[in-house]
Amino acid sequence: MSESPMRHHEEIVAARLVLSAADGNTRSYPILTTDVRIGRRPFNEVVLDDLTVSGAHAVIVSDDGRRLLRDLDSRNGTVLNRTPIRSARLEHGDLIEIGVYRLRYLVDRAPVAPARAASDAPLTPAALERMSGPERGRMLALERPITSISGGASQVAVVSRRKNGYYVTHLEGLAFPVVNGDVIGLVSHPLLDGDLIELSGTLYRFRQRDAR
């Protein structure tokens, strides 16, 4: 399996779960062990104190260098990127819904000096994968300089293909695009392999793979 081109310039430092509260505050839970349990009971690494959450609700386990999210026969189920799951691989930017809570899975990376200047490196192919709706799983190749994508409520954004990478920018609509849970506003936002883009409830996953 080919690896992301960004791996040539970055290395994974750590992963974490970010819980967004109703009051606008966030709480970060670093993933430091092979098993990270999520649930209402105090023995869990991530405690979510609400009756919509089972005592032992879900667990994140490490398996051969990958992390998997598994539901533990919970009462209300576990949802990943708007889809109920029993077990699924986690990727950077994934949205996990457990009861009334929403958690974002994020992989933090640290820059590593590239072997050659970015201007000398050819831009590798990329695509957007639909993660929701009737077209879930459909791939949209980013072959043109500018590709438009749309969501609900007449929200439109564009993904531009530049010499130094791919960027998403707001085009029209009352709401701004959201990348990995963060509103990007009016600025062009650089995209990394695995980033999750949300447009008024419509989800896209940015995919960039080494062409070799």
N, C-alpha and C. Protein backbone atom coordinates (compact mmCIF):
# COMPACT_ATOMS: atom_id res chain seq x y z
N MET A 1 0.86 -1.20 0.00
CA MET A 1 0.00 0.00 0.00
C MET A 1 0.88 1.24 0.00
N SER A 2 0.60 2.18 -0.88
CA SER A 2 1.39 3.40 -0.92
C SER A 2 1.04 4.28 0.26
N GLU A 3 1.98 5.07 0.73
CA GLU A 3 1.73 5.93 1.86
C GLU A 3 1.53 7.36 1.41
N SER A 4 0.96 8.16 2.31
CA SER A 4 0.68 9.55 1.98
C SER A 4 1.97 10.29 1.66
N PRO A 5 1.94 11.18 0.64
CA PRO A 5 3.13 11.95 0.32
C PRO A 5 3.55 12.86 1.45
N MET A 6 2.59 13.24 2.32
CA MET A 6 2.93 14.11 3.41
C MET A 6 3.84 13.41 4.40
N ARG A 7 3.91 12.08 4.40
CA ARG A 7 4.77 11.36 5.32
C ARG A 7 6.24 11.65 5.03
N HIS A 8 6.56 12.09 3.81
CA HIS A 8 7.94 12.41 3.48
C HIS A 8 8.37 13.70 4.17
N HIS A 9 7.42 14.52 4.61
CA HIS A 9 7.72 15.80 5.19
C HIS A 9 7.26 15.92 6.63
N GLU A 10 6.53 14.94 7.14
CA GLU A 10 5.98 15.02 8.48
C GLU A 10 6.09 13.67 9.16
N GLU A 11 6.08 13.68 10.47
CA GLU A 11 5.99 12.44 11.21
C GLU A 11 4.91 12.59 12.27
N ILE A 12 4.19 11.50 12.55
CA ILE A 12 3.15 11.54 13.55
C ILE A 12 3.76 11.69 14.93
N VAL A 13 3.28 12.65 15.71
CA VAL A 13 3.76 12.86 17.07
C VAL A 13 2.81 12.19 18.06
N ALA A 14 1.54 12.46 17.96
CA ALA A 14 0.56 11.92 18.90
C ALA A 14 -0.83 12.05 18.31
N ALA A 15 -1.76 11.32 18.92
CA ALA A 15 -3.17 11.43 18.55
C ALA A 15 -3.96 11.85 19.77
N ARG A 16 -5.10 12.46 19.53
CA ARG A 16 -5.93 12.92 20.65
C ARG A 16 -7.39 12.97 20.23
N LEU A 17 -8.25 13.00 21.23
CA LEU A 17 -9.67 13.24 21.04
C LEU A 17 -9.98 14.63 21.56
N VAL A 18 -10.73 15.41 20.78
CA VAL A 18 -11.12 16.75 21.21
C VAL A 18 -12.63 16.79 21.37
N LEU A 19 -13.07 17.05 22.59
CA LEU A 19 -14.48 17.12 22.93
C LEU A 19 -14.93 18.57 22.89
N SER A 20 -15.95 18.86 22.08
CA SER A 20 -16.50 20.21 21.99
C SER A 20 -17.74 20.30 22.88
N ALA A 21 -17.72 21.21 23.83
CA ALA A 21 -18.83 21.38 24.76
C ALA A 21 -19.83 22.40 24.22
N ALA A 22 -21.05 22.36 24.79
CA ALA A 22 -22.11 23.26 24.34
C ALA A 22 -21.78 24.72 24.62
N ASP A 23 -20.93 24.97 25.64
CA ASP A 23 -20.58 26.35 25.99
C ASP A 23 -19.44 26.91 25.14
N GLY A 24 -19.01 26.13 24.15
CA GLY A 24 -17.96 26.58 23.26
C GLY A 24 -16.56 26.18 23.69
N ASN A 25 -16.43 25.64 24.89
CA ASN A 25 -15.12 25.21 25.37
C ASN A 25 -14.79 23.83 24.80
N THR A 26 -13.51 23.52 24.74
CA THR A 26 -13.07 22.22 24.26
C THR A 26 -12.20 21.55 25.30
N ARG A 27 -12.18 20.22 25.28
CA ARG A 27 -11.32 19.45 26.17
C ARG A 27 -10.59 18.42 25.33
N SER A 28 -9.28 18.30 25.56
CA SER A 28 -8.46 17.41 24.76
C SER A 28 -8.03 16.20 25.60
N TYR A 29 -8.17 15.00 25.01
CA TYR A 29 -7.78 13.76 25.65
C TYR A 29 -6.67 13.11 24.81
N PRO A 30 -5.42 13.17 25.26
CA PRO A 30 -4.35 12.50 24.50
C PRO A 30 -4.52 10.99 24.55
N ILE A 31 -4.22 10.33 23.43
CA ILE A 31 -4.30 8.87 23.35
C ILE A 31 -2.90 8.33 23.64
N LEU A 32 -2.72 7.85 24.86
CA LEU A 32 -1.39 7.47 25.33
C LEU A 32 -1.24 5.97 25.54
N THR A 33 -2.34 5.22 25.53
CA THR A 33 -2.27 3.79 25.77
C THR A 33 -2.85 3.02 24.59
N THR A 34 -2.64 1.71 24.58
CA THR A 34 -3.14 0.90 23.46
C THR A 34 -4.65 0.78 23.48
N ASP A 35 -5.28 0.88 24.65
CA ASP A 35 -6.73 0.83 24.77
C ASP A 35 -7.21 2.09 25.48
N VAL A 36 -8.07 2.87 24.82
CA VAL A 36 -8.64 4.07 25.41
C VAL A 36 -10.15 3.86 25.49
N ARG A 37 -10.64 3.67 26.70
CA ARG A 37 -12.07 3.37 26.90
C ARG A 37 -12.86 4.66 27.06
N ILE A 38 -14.07 4.64 26.50
CA ILE A 38 -14.97 5.80 26.53
C ILE A 38 -16.30 5.36 27.13
N GLY A 39 -16.79 6.10 28.10
CA GLY A 39 -18.07 5.75 28.70
C GLY A 39 -18.42 6.63 29.87
N ARG A 40 -19.54 6.29 30.53
CA ARG A 40 -20.05 7.11 31.62
C ARG A 40 -19.37 6.81 32.96
N ARG A 41 -18.89 5.58 33.15
CA ARG A 41 -18.31 5.17 34.43
C ARG A 41 -16.92 5.78 34.63
N PRO A 42 -16.53 6.02 35.89
CA PRO A 42 -15.25 6.71 36.16
C PRO A 42 -14.01 5.91 35.81
N PHE A 43 -14.13 4.61 35.54
CA PHE A 43 -12.94 3.83 35.20
C PHE A 43 -12.48 4.06 33.76
N ASN A 44 -13.28 4.75 32.96
CA ASN A 44 -12.91 5.02 31.57
C ASN A 44 -11.84 6.11 31.48
N GLU A 45 -11.01 6.02 30.43
CA GLU A 45 -10.04 7.09 30.19
C GLU A 45 -10.73 8.38 29.76
N VAL A 46 -11.82 8.25 29.00
CA VAL A 46 -12.63 9.40 28.59
C VAL A 46 -14.01 9.23 29.20
N VAL A 47 -14.31 10.03 30.22
CA VAL A 47 -15.58 9.93 30.94
C VAL A 47 -16.56 10.94 30.37
N LEU A 48 -17.72 10.45 29.89
CA LEU A 48 -18.78 11.29 29.35
C LEU A 48 -20.00 11.11 30.24
N ASP A 49 -20.26 12.06 31.09
CA ASP A 49 -21.25 11.93 32.16
C ASP A 49 -22.64 12.36 31.70
N ASP A 50 -23.30 11.46 30.97
CA ASP A 50 -24.68 11.71 30.54
C ASP A 50 -25.36 10.36 30.38
N LEU A 51 -26.67 10.31 30.64
CA LEU A 51 -27.40 9.04 30.58
C LEU A 51 -27.53 8.50 29.16
N THR A 52 -27.23 9.31 28.14
CA THR A 52 -27.24 8.80 26.76
C THR A 52 -26.00 7.96 26.47
N VAL A 53 -25.06 7.95 27.39
CA VAL A 53 -23.81 7.21 27.23
C VAL A 53 -23.83 5.99 28.15
N SER A 54 -23.48 4.82 27.63
CA SER A 54 -23.42 3.61 28.44
C SER A 54 -22.21 3.67 29.36
N GLY A 55 -22.25 2.84 30.42
CA GLY A 55 -21.15 2.81 31.38
C GLY A 55 -19.83 2.50 30.71
N ALA A 56 -19.81 1.47 29.87
CA ALA A 56 -18.66 1.15 29.01
C ALA A 56 -19.19 1.20 27.59
N HIS A 57 -18.97 2.31 26.91
CA HIS A 57 -19.66 2.58 25.64
C HIS A 57 -18.84 2.15 24.42
N ALA A 58 -17.59 2.59 24.35
CA ALA A 58 -16.75 2.30 23.18
C ALA A 58 -15.29 2.27 23.62
N VAL A 59 -14.43 1.82 22.72
CA VAL A 59 -13.01 1.77 23.01
C VAL A 59 -12.23 2.03 21.73
N ILE A 60 -11.10 2.72 21.87
CA ILE A 60 -10.16 2.91 20.76
C ILE A 60 -8.97 2.01 21.03
N VAL A 61 -8.69 1.09 20.12
CA VAL A 61 -7.61 0.13 20.31
C VAL A 61 -6.57 0.31 19.20
N SER A 62 -5.32 0.06 19.54
CA SER A 62 -4.24 0.09 18.56
C SER A 62 -4.05 -1.31 18.00
N ASP A 63 -3.98 -1.40 16.67
CA ASP A 63 -3.86 -2.69 16.00
C ASP A 63 -2.88 -2.55 14.84
N ASP A 64 -1.65 -3.06 15.02
CA ASP A 64 -0.65 -3.06 13.97
C ASP A 64 -0.39 -1.65 13.43
N GLY A 65 -0.25 -0.70 14.34
CA GLY A 65 0.04 0.66 13.95
C GLY A 65 -1.17 1.49 13.56
N ARG A 66 -2.34 0.89 13.55
CA ARG A 66 -3.57 1.61 13.23
C ARG A 66 -4.44 1.70 14.48
N ARG A 67 -5.36 2.65 14.48
CA ARG A 67 -6.30 2.75 15.59
C ARG A 67 -7.71 2.44 15.11
N LEU A 68 -8.41 1.62 15.88
CA LEU A 68 -9.76 1.20 15.55
C LEU A 68 -10.71 1.68 16.64
N LEU A 69 -11.89 2.13 16.22
CA LEU A 69 -12.96 2.49 17.14
C LEU A 69 -13.96 1.34 17.18
N ARG A 70 -14.25 0.82 18.38
CA ARG A 70 -15.16 -0.30 18.53
C ARG A 70 -16.27 0.03 19.52
N ASP A 71 -17.49 -0.26 19.13
CA ASP A 71 -18.64 -0.11 20.02
C ASP A 71 -18.69 -1.30 20.96
N LEU A 72 -18.99 -1.08 22.23
CA LEU A 72 -19.02 -2.15 23.24
C LEU A 72 -20.45 -2.52 23.58
N ASP A 73 -21.24 -2.83 22.54
CA ASP A 73 -22.66 -3.20 22.73
C ASP A 73 -23.39 -2.15 23.55
N SER A 74 -23.13 -0.88 23.22
CA SER A 74 -23.75 0.22 23.95
C SER A 74 -25.24 0.32 23.66
N ARG A 75 -25.93 0.99 24.54
CA ARG A 75 -27.39 1.11 24.41
C ARG A 75 -27.78 1.98 23.22
N ASN A 76 -27.09 3.09 22.99
CA ASN A 76 -27.46 4.03 21.92
C ASN A 76 -26.53 4.00 20.73
N GLY A 77 -25.52 3.12 20.76
CA GLY A 77 -24.65 2.96 19.60
C GLY A 77 -23.56 4.02 19.49
N THR A 78 -22.64 3.77 18.58
CA THR A 78 -21.52 4.67 18.30
C THR A 78 -21.57 5.07 16.83
N VAL A 79 -21.41 6.35 16.54
CA VAL A 79 -21.54 6.88 15.18
C VAL A 79 -20.21 7.50 14.77
N LEU A 80 -19.75 7.12 13.58
CA LEU A 80 -18.50 7.66 13.02
C LEU A 80 -18.81 8.34 11.69
N ASN A 81 -18.57 9.65 11.61
CA ASN A 81 -18.85 10.42 10.39
C ASN A 81 -20.28 10.18 9.90
N ARG A 82 -21.23 10.26 10.86
CA ARG A 82 -22.67 10.16 10.60
C ARG A 82 -23.15 8.73 10.30
N THR A 83 -22.30 7.73 10.45
CA THR A 83 -22.68 6.35 10.14
C THR A 83 -22.50 5.48 11.39
N PRO A 84 -23.54 4.76 11.83
CA PRO A 84 -23.39 3.85 12.98
C PRO A 84 -22.39 2.75 12.65
N ILE A 85 -21.54 2.44 13.60
CA ILE A 85 -20.50 1.42 13.36
C ILE A 85 -20.44 0.44 14.52
N ARG A 86 -19.91 -0.74 14.22
CA ARG A 86 -19.52 -1.70 15.25
C ARG A 86 -18.02 -1.64 15.47
N SER A 87 -17.28 -1.55 14.38
CA SER A 87 -15.83 -1.41 14.43
C SER A 87 -15.38 -0.74 13.14
N ALA A 88 -14.51 0.25 13.26
CA ALA A 88 -14.04 0.98 12.07
C ALA A 88 -12.69 1.61 12.36
N ARG A 89 -11.89 1.72 11.31
CA ARG A 89 -10.57 2.35 11.43
C ARG A 89 -10.73 3.85 11.56
N LEU A 90 -9.93 4.46 12.42
CA LEU A 90 -9.96 5.90 12.61
C LEU A 90 -8.93 6.58 11.73
N GLU A 91 -9.32 7.76 11.20
CA GLU A 91 -8.41 8.57 10.41
C GLU A 91 -8.48 10.01 10.91
N HIS A 92 -7.41 10.73 10.64
CA HIS A 92 -7.31 12.13 11.06
C HIS A 92 -8.55 12.92 10.64
N GLY A 93 -9.17 13.60 11.60
CA GLY A 93 -10.33 14.44 11.32
C GLY A 93 -11.66 13.76 11.53
N ASP A 94 -11.69 12.46 11.83
CA ASP A 94 -12.95 11.74 12.00
C ASP A 94 -13.80 12.34 13.12
N LEU A 95 -15.11 12.33 12.90
CA LEU A 95 -16.07 12.81 13.89
C LEU A 95 -16.75 11.62 14.55
N ILE A 96 -16.64 11.53 15.87
CA ILE A 96 -17.24 10.44 16.65
C ILE A 96 -18.39 11.02 17.45
N GLU A 97 -19.56 10.40 17.35
CA GLU A 97 -20.72 10.82 18.13
C GLU A 97 -21.11 9.70 19.09
N ILE A 98 -21.11 10.03 20.37
CA ILE A 98 -21.48 9.09 21.43
C ILE A 98 -22.50 9.78 22.32
N GLY A 99 -23.74 9.31 22.29
CA GLY A 99 -24.79 9.99 23.02
C GLY A 99 -24.94 11.41 22.56
N VAL A 100 -24.92 12.36 23.50
CA VAL A 100 -25.05 13.78 23.14
C VAL A 100 -23.70 14.42 22.85
N TYR A 101 -22.64 13.64 22.88
CA TYR A 101 -21.28 14.19 22.74
C TYR A 101 -20.74 14.00 21.32
N ARG A 102 -19.90 14.96 20.92
CA ARG A 102 -19.18 14.90 19.63
C ARG A 102 -17.69 15.04 19.92
N LEU A 103 -16.93 14.06 19.44
CA LEU A 103 -15.48 14.08 19.64
C LEU A 103 -14.80 14.03 18.28
N ARG A 104 -13.73 14.79 18.15
CA ARG A 104 -12.96 14.80 16.91
C ARG A 104 -11.63 14.07 17.14
N TYR A 105 -11.32 13.09 16.27
CA TYR A 105 -10.06 12.37 16.34
C TYR A 105 -9.03 13.11 15.50
N LEU A 106 -7.95 13.55 16.14
CA LEU A 106 -6.93 14.34 15.45
C LEU A 106 -5.56 13.72 15.65
N VAL A 107 -4.78 13.72 14.58
CA VAL A 107 -3.40 13.25 14.63
C VAL A 107 -2.49 14.46 14.51
N ASP A 108 -1.68 14.69 15.52
CA ASP A 108 -0.76 15.82 15.50
C ASP A 108 0.55 15.39 14.86
N ARG A 109 1.08 16.24 14.01
CA ARG A 109 2.32 15.93 13.30
C ARG A 109 3.34 17.03 13.53
N ALA A 110 4.59 16.69 13.45
CA ALA A 110 5.68 17.68 13.56
C ALA A 110 6.43 17.72 12.24
N PRO A 111 6.82 18.90 11.79
CA PRO A 111 7.52 19.00 10.50
C PRO A 111 8.90 18.38 10.56
N VAL A 112 9.29 17.78 9.45
CA VAL A 112 10.62 17.23 9.28
C VAL A 112 11.21 17.86 8.04
N ALA A 113 12.46 18.21 8.06
CA ALA A 113 13.08 18.87 6.91
C ALA A 113 12.95 18.00 5.68
N PRO A 114 12.38 18.51 4.60
CA PRO A 114 12.22 17.72 3.38
C PRO A 114 13.55 17.44 2.71
N ALA A 115 13.59 16.37 1.93
CA ALA A 115 14.83 15.99 1.26
C ALA A 115 15.17 16.98 0.15
N ARG A 116 14.13 17.67 -0.40
CA ARG A 116 14.39 18.66 -1.43
C ARG A 116 13.37 19.76 -1.30
N ALA A 117 13.61 20.86 -1.93
CA ALA A 117 12.71 22.00 -1.81
C ALA A 117 11.33 21.64 -2.33
N ALA A 118 10.30 22.21 -1.68
CA ALA A 118 8.93 21.89 -2.07
C ALA A 118 8.66 22.28 -3.52
N SER A 119 9.31 23.36 -3.99
CA SER A 119 9.07 23.80 -5.36
C SER A 119 9.57 22.80 -6.38
N ASP A 120 10.53 21.92 -5.98
CA ASP A 120 11.07 20.93 -6.89
C ASP A 120 10.25 19.63 -6.90
N ALA A 121 9.40 19.47 -5.91
CA ALA A 121 8.65 18.23 -5.78
C ALA A 121 7.38 18.29 -6.62
N PRO A 122 7.11 17.26 -7.42
CA PRO A 122 5.88 17.26 -8.21
C PRO A 122 4.66 17.10 -7.31
N LEU A 123 3.59 17.78 -7.66
CA LEU A 123 2.35 17.69 -6.89
C LEU A 123 1.67 16.36 -7.18
N THR A 124 1.42 15.59 -6.13
CA THR A 124 0.84 14.26 -6.31
C THR A 124 -0.67 14.33 -6.51
N PRO A 125 -1.26 13.33 -7.18
CA PRO A 125 -2.70 13.33 -7.43
C PRO A 125 -3.51 13.33 -6.13
N ALA A 126 -4.71 13.88 -6.19
CA ALA A 126 -5.58 13.94 -5.03
C ALA A 126 -7.03 13.80 -5.48
N ALA A 127 -7.90 13.51 -4.51
CA ALA A 127 -9.32 13.34 -4.79
C ALA A 127 -10.11 13.64 -3.52
N LEU A 128 -11.39 13.86 -3.70
CA LEU A 128 -12.31 14.02 -2.57
C LEU A 128 -13.23 12.81 -2.54
N GLU A 129 -13.36 12.21 -1.36
CA GLU A 129 -14.26 11.07 -1.19
C GLU A 129 -15.51 11.53 -0.44
N ARG A 130 -16.69 11.26 -1.02
CA ARG A 130 -17.94 11.58 -0.34
C ARG A 130 -18.12 10.66 0.84
N MET A 131 -18.38 11.23 2.02
CA MET A 131 -18.50 10.46 3.25
C MET A 131 -19.92 10.42 3.78
N SER A 132 -20.87 11.03 3.06
CA SER A 132 -22.25 11.06 3.53
C SER A 132 -23.19 11.13 2.34
N GLY A 133 -24.47 10.84 2.59
CA GLY A 133 -25.48 10.96 1.55
C GLY A 133 -25.51 9.80 0.58
N PRO A 134 -26.38 9.86 -0.42
CA PRO A 134 -26.54 8.76 -1.38
C PRO A 134 -25.30 8.51 -2.23
N GLU A 135 -24.40 9.49 -2.35
CA GLU A 135 -23.18 9.32 -3.13
C GLU A 135 -21.98 8.95 -2.25
N ARG A 136 -22.25 8.44 -1.06
CA ARG A 136 -21.18 8.04 -0.14
C ARG A 136 -20.24 7.05 -0.82
N GLY A 137 -18.93 7.31 -0.73
CA GLY A 137 -17.92 6.45 -1.34
C GLY A 137 -17.47 6.91 -2.72
N ARG A 138 -18.20 7.84 -3.34
CA ARG A 138 -17.82 8.33 -4.67
C ARG A 138 -16.57 9.19 -4.57
N MET A 139 -15.65 9.00 -5.51
CA MET A 139 -14.40 9.75 -5.53
C MET A 139 -14.46 10.84 -6.61
N LEU A 140 -14.07 12.05 -6.26
CA LEU A 140 -14.02 13.17 -7.18
C LEU A 140 -12.56 13.57 -7.36
N ALA A 141 -12.00 13.25 -8.52
CA ALA A 141 -10.59 13.54 -8.78
C ALA A 141 -10.37 15.05 -8.90
N LEU A 142 -9.30 15.53 -8.26
CA LEU A 142 -8.97 16.96 -8.30
C LEU A 142 -7.92 17.19 -9.38
N GLU A 143 -8.37 17.13 -10.62
CA GLU A 143 -7.47 17.21 -11.77
C GLU A 143 -7.40 18.62 -12.37
N ARG A 144 -8.39 19.45 -12.08
CA ARG A 144 -8.42 20.80 -12.63
C ARG A 144 -7.83 21.80 -11.64
N PRO A 145 -7.44 22.98 -12.09
CA PRO A 145 -6.90 23.98 -11.16
C PRO A 145 -7.88 24.33 -10.04
N ILE A 146 -9.19 24.35 -10.36
CA ILE A 146 -10.20 24.67 -9.36
C ILE A 146 -11.36 23.69 -9.52
N THR A 147 -11.77 23.09 -8.41
CA THR A 147 -12.91 22.17 -8.39
C THR A 147 -13.91 22.66 -7.34
N SER A 148 -15.17 22.85 -7.74
CA SER A 148 -16.18 23.31 -6.80
C SER A 148 -16.88 22.13 -6.13
N ILE A 149 -17.22 22.29 -4.86
CA ILE A 149 -17.97 21.29 -4.11
C ILE A 149 -19.10 22.00 -3.38
N SER A 150 -20.19 21.30 -3.14
CA SER A 150 -21.35 21.94 -2.54
C SER A 150 -21.90 21.12 -1.39
N GLY A 151 -22.64 21.80 -0.53
CA GLY A 151 -23.33 21.15 0.57
C GLY A 151 -24.76 21.64 0.64
N GLY A 152 -25.41 21.40 1.76
CA GLY A 152 -26.77 21.89 1.92
C GLY A 152 -26.81 23.40 2.09
N ALA A 153 -27.99 23.95 2.09
CA ALA A 153 -28.21 25.39 2.31
C ALA A 153 -27.42 26.24 1.33
N SER A 154 -27.26 25.75 0.08
CA SER A 154 -26.58 26.50 -0.99
C SER A 154 -25.16 26.91 -0.61
N GLN A 155 -24.49 26.08 0.16
CA GLN A 155 -23.11 26.36 0.53
C GLN A 155 -22.18 25.77 -0.52
N VAL A 156 -21.26 26.59 -1.03
CA VAL A 156 -20.33 26.17 -2.07
C VAL A 156 -18.91 26.56 -1.66
N ALA A 157 -17.98 25.65 -1.89
CA ALA A 157 -16.56 25.93 -1.67
C ALA A 157 -15.79 25.46 -2.89
N VAL A 158 -14.53 25.87 -2.99
CA VAL A 158 -13.68 25.40 -4.08
C VAL A 158 -12.40 24.82 -3.51
N VAL A 159 -11.91 23.78 -4.17
CA VAL A 159 -10.60 23.21 -3.85
C VAL A 159 -9.67 23.58 -5.00
N SER A 160 -8.62 24.33 -4.67
CA SER A 160 -7.68 24.78 -5.70
C SER A 160 -6.42 23.93 -5.68
N ARG A 161 -5.90 23.66 -6.87
CA ARG A 161 -4.69 22.86 -7.05
C ARG A 161 -3.55 23.82 -7.37
N ARG A 162 -2.63 24.01 -6.40
CA ARG A 162 -1.54 24.95 -6.57
C ARG A 162 -0.21 24.21 -6.60
N LYS A 163 0.86 24.95 -6.89
CA LYS A 163 2.19 24.32 -6.99
C LYS A 163 2.63 23.70 -5.67
N ASN A 164 2.20 24.30 -4.56
CA ASN A 164 2.66 23.82 -3.25
C ASN A 164 1.61 23.01 -2.50
N GLY A 165 0.51 22.63 -3.18
CA GLY A 165 -0.48 21.79 -2.51
C GLY A 165 -1.91 22.14 -2.88
N TYR A 166 -2.84 21.61 -2.11
CA TYR A 166 -4.27 21.79 -2.34
C TYR A 166 -4.86 22.63 -1.21
N TYR A 167 -5.81 23.50 -1.58
CA TYR A 167 -6.42 24.41 -0.62
C TYR A 167 -7.94 24.43 -0.81
N VAL A 168 -8.68 24.57 0.30
CA VAL A 168 -10.13 24.74 0.22
C VAL A 168 -10.46 26.17 0.63
N THR A 169 -11.40 26.78 -0.10
CA THR A 169 -11.77 28.17 0.12
C THR A 169 -13.28 28.33 0.03
N HIS A 170 -13.84 29.14 0.91
CA HIS A 170 -15.27 29.45 0.86
C HIS A 170 -15.59 30.23 -0.42
N LEU A 171 -16.73 29.89 -1.05
CA LEU A 171 -17.14 30.60 -2.26
C LEU A 171 -18.46 31.33 -2.05
N GLU A 172 -19.49 30.60 -1.63
CA GLU A 172 -20.78 31.26 -1.39
C GLU A 172 -21.59 30.48 -0.36
N GLY A 173 -22.56 31.17 0.22
CA GLY A 173 -23.40 30.58 1.26
C GLY A 173 -23.19 31.30 2.58
N LEU A 174 -24.16 31.18 3.48
CA LEU A 174 -24.10 31.88 4.76
C LEU A 174 -23.12 31.24 5.73
N ALA A 175 -22.85 29.94 5.55
CA ALA A 175 -21.94 29.24 6.45
C ALA A 175 -20.59 29.03 5.78
N PHE A 176 -19.54 28.97 6.58
CA PHE A 176 -18.19 28.73 6.07
C PHE A 176 -17.87 27.23 6.14
N PRO A 177 -16.96 26.76 5.29
CA PRO A 177 -16.54 25.36 5.38
C PRO A 177 -15.89 25.07 6.74
N VAL A 178 -16.02 23.80 7.13
CA VAL A 178 -15.41 23.33 8.38
C VAL A 178 -14.40 22.24 8.02
N VAL A 179 -13.17 22.37 8.50
CA VAL A 179 -12.13 21.37 8.25
C VAL A 179 -11.69 20.79 9.59
N ASN A 180 -11.91 19.49 9.76
CA ASN A 180 -11.55 18.80 11.00
C ASN A 180 -12.16 19.48 12.23
N GLY A 181 -13.39 19.98 12.07
CA GLY A 181 -14.09 20.58 13.19
C GLY A 181 -13.86 22.06 13.38
N ASP A 182 -12.97 22.68 12.60
CA ASP A 182 -12.67 24.10 12.74
C ASP A 182 -13.21 24.88 11.54
N VAL A 183 -13.92 25.97 11.82
CA VAL A 183 -14.43 26.85 10.76
C VAL A 183 -13.26 27.62 10.16
N ILE A 184 -13.13 27.60 8.83
CA ILE A 184 -11.95 28.21 8.20
C ILE A 184 -12.16 29.68 7.84
N GLY A 185 -13.40 30.17 7.86
CA GLY A 185 -13.64 31.57 7.53
C GLY A 185 -13.42 31.86 6.06
N LEU A 186 -12.87 33.04 5.76
CA LEU A 186 -12.70 33.47 4.37
C LEU A 186 -11.31 33.15 3.81
N VAL A 187 -10.43 32.60 4.63
CA VAL A 187 -9.07 32.33 4.16
C VAL A 187 -9.00 30.98 3.45
N SER A 188 -8.01 30.83 2.57
CA SER A 188 -7.75 29.54 1.93
C SER A 188 -7.06 28.63 2.95
N HIS A 189 -7.57 27.41 3.10
CA HIS A 189 -7.05 26.50 4.11
C HIS A 189 -6.31 25.35 3.44
N PRO A 190 -5.03 25.12 3.77
CA PRO A 190 -4.29 24.00 3.16
C PRO A 190 -4.86 22.66 3.60
N LEU A 191 -4.82 21.68 2.72
CA LEU A 191 -5.37 20.36 3.00
C LEU A 191 -4.26 19.32 3.11
N LEU A 192 -4.41 18.43 4.10
CA LEU A 192 -3.52 17.30 4.28
C LEU A 192 -4.31 16.01 4.05
N ASP A 193 -3.61 14.96 3.65
CA ASP A 193 -4.25 13.68 3.42
C ASP A 193 -5.06 13.25 4.65
N GLY A 194 -6.34 12.93 4.44
CA GLY A 194 -7.21 12.49 5.52
C GLY A 194 -8.08 13.58 6.10
N ASP A 195 -7.84 14.85 5.75
CA ASP A 195 -8.66 15.94 6.30
C ASP A 195 -10.13 15.74 5.95
N LEU A 196 -11.00 16.09 6.91
CA LEU A 196 -12.44 15.97 6.73
C LEU A 196 -13.04 17.36 6.52
N ILE A 197 -13.71 17.56 5.37
CA ILE A 197 -14.33 18.84 5.03
C ILE A 197 -15.84 18.70 5.19
N GLU A 198 -16.47 19.65 5.88
CA GLU A 198 -17.91 19.62 6.09
C GLU A 198 -18.55 20.88 5.52
N LEU A 199 -19.56 20.69 4.68
CA LEU A 199 -20.31 21.80 4.09
C LEU A 199 -21.78 21.60 4.41
N SER A 200 -22.26 22.28 5.44
CA SER A 200 -23.67 22.20 5.83
C SER A 200 -24.16 20.75 5.92
N GLY A 201 -23.39 19.91 6.60
CA GLY A 201 -23.80 18.53 6.82
C GLY A 201 -23.30 17.54 5.79
N THR A 202 -22.77 18.02 4.66
CA THR A 202 -22.20 17.14 3.64
C THR A 202 -20.71 16.98 3.92
N LEU A 203 -20.25 15.71 4.00
CA LEU A 203 -18.88 15.42 4.39
C LEU A 203 -18.05 14.93 3.21
N TYR A 204 -16.83 15.44 3.11
CA TYR A 204 -15.86 15.00 2.11
C TYR A 204 -14.55 14.66 2.83
N ARG A 205 -13.87 13.63 2.38
CA ARG A 205 -12.54 13.30 2.88
C ARG A 205 -11.51 13.60 1.78
N PHE A 206 -10.50 14.42 2.12
CA PHE A 206 -9.43 14.72 1.17
C PHE A 206 -8.44 13.58 1.14
N ARG A 207 -8.17 13.05 -0.07
CA ARG A 207 -7.25 11.93 -0.24
C ARG A 207 -6.12 12.35 -1.16
N GLN A 208 -4.90 12.12 -0.70
CA GLN A 208 -3.73 12.39 -1.54
C GLN A 208 -2.75 11.24 -1.36
N ARG A 209 -2.42 10.61 -2.48
CA ARG A 209 -1.58 9.42 -2.43
C ARG A 209 -0.36 9.59 -3.33
N ASP A 210 0.71 8.94 -2.96
CA ASP A 210 1.93 8.96 -3.76
C ASP A 210 1.66 8.28 -5.09
N ALA A 211 2.00 8.93 -6.18
CA ALA A 211 1.69 8.40 -7.52
C ALA A 211 2.66 7.31 -7.95
N ARG A 212 3.74 7.10 -7.19
CA ARG A 212 4.71 6.09 -7.62
C ARG A 212 4.18 4.69 -7.46
